[in-house]
Amino acid sequence: MTTLRSALDRYVNMRQGFGYKFQKQARLLTNFVSFMEERKATTITTKLAVTWATQPPDRHASWVLRLAAVRGFARHVVNIDPGTEVPRAGILPRLKRSKPYIYNDGEIEALLKIALALPPANGLQRWTYHYLFGLLAVTGIRVSEAMGLERADVDLKEGLLTIRESKFGKSRHVPLHPMTRAALRSYAKRRDAHLGSRCGTQFFVAARGGRLHYSCVHSVFLRLSREIGLRRPGDLSGPRIHDFRQNAESRKMPSDAA
């Protein structure tokens, strides 16, 4: 095992020992160490760190986060290798946050309606996205939180969602409107009838059962957004799935669309 890999193991164990999840950073830094090894480099330099952080070239939004991960690791490694360079903050420009898009009721209704046209007509996918997007619109929870809901986290009797280990590692409860409870109950019945014994522990499931993947959810959202005119074909910016968080208060999820 190389010195950098040994140092990375110690660094990750230390951070997790302090109570941090540190999972995403650990994956990034493992990739960075592999990048260093491919170049037979044994000492972290600012040039190498920036070269790695700015890959891939079309994902500017992740560059600062990637370099920040290396910066923290370099501060740890400099105690072992004094020749280590710690990349200074501000080398890479921060991307300006997009202004949140405020959906109107008509746009949300159109999105939920077009979701029901997803193929196949006798499949579960159209109902999954109809209810998933509906829940995001009325509760304002993060898409990752909705996708991560277990069946036990959705208490339809008490009308309560349990969001476990959210952004800051804390759990919280989200109350549900009676119409939203009825809608989710309808989805649960469809899901169980469609999948039978293939049902897992997740509340929202992929077409054949199992966990939803963010890349698929994001892809479906973009496709439907273009179909209802929220985005034009080829647009790189526009209303985002995360923007549901900005204006969810007062909305009620339809009890059923069929």
Protein backbone atom coordinates (compact mmCIF):
# COMPACT_ATOMS: atom_id res chain seq x y z
CA MET A 1 0.00 0.00 0.00
CA THR A 2 1.37 3.41 -0.94
CA THR A 3 2.13 6.09 1.64
CA LEU A 4 -0.72 8.24 0.28
CA ARG A 5 -3.21 5.39 0.53
CA SER A 6 -2.09 4.63 4.08
CA ALA A 7 -2.44 8.33 4.93
CA LEU A 8 -5.90 8.38 3.33
CA ASP A 9 -7.06 5.40 5.40
CA ARG A 10 -5.89 7.12 8.58
CA TYR A 11 -7.50 10.42 7.55
CA VAL A 12 -10.87 8.84 6.73
CA ASN A 13 -10.87 6.82 9.96
CA MET A 14 -10.03 9.97 11.91
CA ARG A 15 -12.84 12.02 10.34
CA GLN A 16 -15.39 9.25 10.80
CA GLY A 17 -14.15 8.77 14.34
CA PHE A 18 -15.16 12.39 14.99
CA GLY A 19 -18.71 11.51 13.96
CA TYR A 20 -18.68 12.66 10.33
CA LYS A 21 -20.16 10.36 7.68
CA PHE A 22 -17.37 11.37 5.30
CA GLN A 23 -18.51 8.88 2.67
CA LYS A 24 -18.63 11.15 -0.37
CA GLN A 25 -15.32 12.79 0.53
CA ALA A 26 -13.73 9.37 1.01
CA ARG A 27 -14.84 8.32 -2.48
CA LEU A 28 -13.49 11.54 -3.98
CA LEU A 29 -10.16 11.22 -2.22
CA THR A 30 -9.80 7.57 -3.21
CA ASN A 31 -10.24 8.73 -6.79
CA PHE A 32 -7.66 11.48 -6.23
CA VAL A 33 -5.08 9.06 -4.84
CA SER A 34 -5.63 6.78 -7.87
CA PHE A 35 -5.09 9.85 -10.06
CA MET A 36 -1.79 10.52 -8.24
CA GLU A 37 -0.70 6.89 -8.60
CA GLU A 38 -1.39 6.86 -12.33
CA ARG A 39 1.04 9.77 -12.63
CA LYS A 40 3.52 8.12 -10.26
CA ALA A 41 3.28 11.21 -8.05
CA THR A 42 3.94 10.76 -4.35
CA THR A 43 3.60 14.36 -3.14
CA ILE A 44 0.45 16.46 -3.37
CA THR A 45 0.97 19.72 -5.28
CA THR A 46 -1.46 22.51 -6.03
CA LYS A 47 -1.06 21.87 -9.77
CA LEU A 48 -1.99 18.18 -9.44
CA ALA A 49 -4.87 18.98 -7.10
CA VAL A 50 -6.35 21.57 -9.46
CA THR A 51 -5.87 19.31 -12.50
CA TRP A 52 -7.80 16.55 -10.76
CA ALA A 53 -10.46 18.84 -9.28
CA THR A 54 -11.36 20.35 -12.66
CA GLN A 55 -12.30 16.99 -14.13
CA PRO A 56 -14.63 16.44 -15.85
CA PRO A 57 -14.44 19.81 -17.63
CA ASP A 58 -18.22 20.19 -18.03
CA ARG A 59 -19.10 19.96 -14.32
CA HIS A 60 -17.98 23.31 -12.96
CA ALA A 61 -20.34 23.09 -10.00
CA SER A 62 -18.37 20.19 -8.48
CA TRP A 63 -14.86 21.67 -8.90
CA VAL A 64 -14.78 23.70 -5.68
CA LEU A 65 -16.09 20.78 -3.63
CA ARG A 66 -13.52 18.41 -5.13
CA LEU A 67 -10.66 20.80 -4.40
CA ALA A 68 -11.94 21.39 -0.87
CA ALA A 69 -11.75 17.63 -0.23
CA VAL A 70 -8.11 17.58 -1.34
CA ARG A 71 -7.33 20.68 0.76
CA GLY A 72 -8.48 18.95 3.94
CA PHE A 73 -6.51 15.82 3.09
CA ALA A 74 -3.39 17.83 2.23
CA ARG A 75 -3.51 19.56 5.63
CA HIS A 76 -3.37 16.11 7.19
CA VAL A 77 -0.62 14.81 4.89
CA VAL A 78 1.66 17.84 5.36
CA ASN A 79 2.43 16.52 8.84
CA ILE A 80 3.85 13.38 7.20
CA ASP A 81 5.34 14.91 4.07
CA PRO A 82 6.47 18.54 4.61
CA GLY A 83 6.77 18.97 0.84
CA THR A 84 2.99 18.71 0.49
CA GLU A 85 1.29 21.80 -0.94
CA VAL A 86 -2.08 22.75 0.52
CA PRO A 87 -4.19 24.37 -2.24
CA ARG A 88 -5.37 27.75 -1.01
CA ALA A 89 -9.05 28.64 -0.94
CA GLY A 90 -10.31 30.81 -3.79
CA ILE A 91 -8.16 29.32 -6.55
CA LEU A 92 -11.27 28.17 -8.36
CA PRO A 93 -14.19 30.57 -8.85
CA ARG A 94 -17.39 29.64 -7.09
CA LEU A 95 -20.34 29.09 -9.36
CA LYS A 96 -23.24 31.44 -8.66
CA ARG A 97 -26.29 29.61 -7.38
CA SER A 98 -29.19 29.47 -9.78
CA LYS A 99 -32.18 31.57 -8.78
CA PRO A 100 -34.89 29.17 -7.55
CA TYR A 101 -37.82 28.70 -9.91
CA ILE A 102 -41.26 29.16 -8.38
CA TYR A 103 -43.70 26.70 -9.95
CA ASN A 104 -47.31 27.67 -10.29
CA ASP A 105 -50.13 25.21 -9.64
CA GLY A 106 -50.79 24.74 -13.36
CA GLU A 107 -47.20 23.73 -14.05
CA ILE A 108 -47.19 21.19 -11.25
CA GLU A 109 -50.53 19.76 -12.36
CA ALA A 110 -49.19 19.47 -15.91
CA LEU A 111 -46.04 17.69 -14.69
CA LEU A 112 -48.03 15.19 -12.62
CA LYS A 113 -50.43 14.58 -15.48
CA ILE A 114 -47.71 13.99 -18.08
CA ALA A 115 -45.98 11.58 -15.68
CA LEU A 116 -49.00 9.31 -16.01
CA ALA A 117 -48.27 9.02 -19.74
CA LEU A 118 -44.92 7.33 -19.10
CA PRO A 119 -44.73 3.87 -20.66
CA PRO A 120 -45.71 1.14 -20.24
CA ALA A 121 -49.38 1.88 -19.73
CA ASN A 122 -49.79 -1.15 -17.46
CA GLY A 123 -46.53 -0.55 -15.58
CA LEU A 124 -45.70 0.96 -12.21
CA GLN A 125 -43.22 3.59 -13.41
CA ARG A 126 -45.83 6.21 -14.32
CA TRP A 127 -47.43 5.99 -10.88
CA THR A 128 -44.08 6.10 -9.10
CA TYR A 129 -43.07 9.37 -10.76
CA HIS A 130 -46.55 10.86 -10.49
CA TYR A 131 -46.59 10.37 -6.73
CA LEU A 132 -42.88 11.04 -6.17
CA PHE A 133 -43.03 14.44 -7.89
CA GLY A 134 -46.31 15.15 -6.15
CA LEU A 135 -44.80 14.48 -2.74
CA LEU A 136 -41.83 16.75 -3.50
CA ALA A 137 -44.20 19.52 -4.57
CA VAL A 138 -46.35 19.44 -1.44
CA THR A 139 -43.75 18.75 1.26
CA GLY A 140 -40.58 20.41 0.00
CA ILE A 141 -38.41 17.50 1.12
CA ARG A 142 -35.22 16.84 -0.85
CA VAL A 143 -35.40 14.40 -3.74
CA SER A 144 -32.74 12.26 -2.05
CA GLU A 145 -34.90 12.15 1.08
CA ALA A 146 -37.98 11.07 -0.86
CA MET A 147 -36.03 8.41 -2.76
CA GLY A 148 -34.54 7.13 0.50
CA LEU A 149 -37.87 6.67 2.29
CA GLU A 150 -38.38 3.19 3.66
CA ARG A 151 -41.87 1.77 3.96
CA ALA A 152 -41.56 2.02 7.74
CA ASP A 153 -40.78 5.76 7.40
CA VAL A 154 -44.20 6.50 5.87
CA ASP A 155 -46.84 6.36 8.59
CA LEU A 156 -50.08 6.80 6.70
CA LYS A 157 -52.20 6.18 9.78
CA GLU A 158 -50.67 9.06 11.74
CA GLY A 159 -49.88 11.10 8.61
CA LEU A 160 -46.18 11.45 9.27
CA LEU A 161 -42.96 11.00 7.29
CA THR A 162 -39.75 10.20 9.11
CA ILE A 163 -36.74 11.63 7.29
CA ARG A 164 -33.68 9.81 8.59
CA GLU A 165 -30.19 11.29 8.61
CA SER A 166 -30.96 14.29 6.41
CA LYS A 167 -28.44 16.85 5.18
CA PHE A 168 -26.91 17.54 8.59
CA GLY A 169 -27.15 13.98 9.85
CA LYS A 170 -30.30 14.58 11.91
CA SER A 171 -33.70 12.92 11.59
CA ARG A 172 -36.94 14.87 11.48
CA HIS A 173 -40.70 14.36 11.04
CA VAL A 174 -42.79 15.87 8.24
CA PRO A 175 -46.60 15.99 8.70
CA LEU A 176 -48.80 15.01 5.77
CA HIS A 177 -52.04 16.62 4.64
CA PRO A 178 -54.99 14.14 4.59
CA MET A 179 -55.14 14.33 0.79
CA THR A 180 -51.43 13.55 0.58
CA ARG A 181 -51.92 10.59 2.90
CA ALA A 182 -54.70 9.30 0.66
CA ALA A 183 -52.52 9.72 -2.42
CA LEU A 184 -49.59 7.84 -0.90
CA ARG A 185 -51.93 5.09 0.30
CA SER A 186 -53.16 4.73 -3.29
CA TYR A 187 -49.58 4.43 -4.54
CA ALA A 188 -48.70 1.84 -1.89
CA LYS A 189 -51.64 -0.32 -2.97
CA ARG A 190 -50.64 -0.08 -6.64
CA ARG A 191 -46.99 -0.83 -5.81
CA ASP A 192 -47.80 -3.90 -3.73
CA ALA A 193 -50.33 -5.22 -6.25
CA HIS A 194 -47.86 -4.75 -9.11
CA LEU A 195 -44.74 -6.20 -7.48
CA GLY A 196 -46.15 -8.73 -5.06
CA SER A 197 -43.35 -10.69 -3.39
CA ARG A 198 -40.72 -8.57 -5.20
CA CYS A 199 -41.48 -5.60 -2.99
CA GLY A 200 -38.46 -4.50 -1.00
CA THR A 201 -38.19 -2.12 1.91
CA GLN A 202 -38.26 1.10 -0.12
CA PHE A 203 -41.46 3.14 -0.35
CA PHE A 204 -40.85 4.48 -3.88
CA VAL A 205 -39.47 1.79 -6.14
CA ALA A 206 -38.07 1.36 -9.64
CA ALA A 207 -40.12 -0.30 -12.37
CA ARG A 208 -39.04 -3.82 -11.39
CA GLY A 209 -38.66 -3.16 -7.70
CA GLY A 210 -35.59 -1.97 -5.86
CA ARG A 211 -34.26 1.48 -5.13
CA LEU A 212 -34.68 4.45 -7.45
CA HIS A 213 -31.48 6.02 -8.77
CA TYR A 214 -31.06 9.80 -8.86
CA SER A 215 -29.75 9.79 -12.44
CA CYS A 216 -32.96 8.10 -13.61
CA VAL A 217 -35.22 10.41 -11.58
CA HIS A 218 -33.38 13.47 -12.89
CA SER A 219 -33.55 12.19 -16.48
CA VAL A 220 -37.31 11.60 -16.25
CA PHE A 221 -37.84 15.04 -14.72
CA LEU A 222 -35.93 16.74 -17.56
CA ARG A 223 -37.83 14.77 -20.18
CA LEU A 224 -41.23 15.63 -18.72
CA SER A 225 -40.23 19.26 -18.18
CA ARG A 226 -39.47 19.59 -21.88
CA GLU A 227 -42.72 17.89 -22.87
CA ILE A 228 -44.81 20.43 -20.94
CA GLY A 229 -42.70 23.42 -22.01
CA LEU A 230 -40.88 24.16 -18.74
CA ARG A 231 -37.61 23.68 -20.63
CA ARG A 232 -36.79 23.88 -24.31
CA PRO A 233 -34.91 21.02 -26.01
CA GLY A 234 -31.19 21.48 -25.46
CA ASP A 235 -31.55 23.94 -22.55
CA LEU A 236 -28.75 23.51 -20.02
CA SER A 237 -30.58 25.53 -17.39
CA GLY A 238 -34.14 25.99 -16.28
CA PRO A 239 -36.55 24.82 -13.57
CA ARG A 240 -34.94 22.10 -11.45
CA ILE A 241 -36.32 19.26 -9.42
CA HIS A 242 -34.78 20.86 -6.30
CA ASP A 243 -36.85 24.01 -6.83
CA PHE A 244 -39.90 22.23 -5.44
CA ARG A 245 -38.41 23.01 -2.02
CA GLN A 246 -39.05 26.72 -2.50
CA ASN A 247 -42.82 26.75 -2.72
CA ALA A 248 -44.31 23.62 -1.24
CA GLU A 249 -46.20 25.06 1.70
CA SER A 250 -49.95 25.39 0.93
CA ARG A 251 -50.14 22.69 -1.72
CA LYS A 252 -52.12 19.51 -1.35
CA MET A 253 -51.37 16.35 -3.26
CA PRO A 254 -54.30 14.98 -5.29
CA SER A 255 -55.72 11.85 -3.68
CA ASP A 256 -55.65 9.98 -6.99
CA ALA A 257 -55.30 10.83 -10.64
CA ALA A 258 -57.10 7.91 -12.15
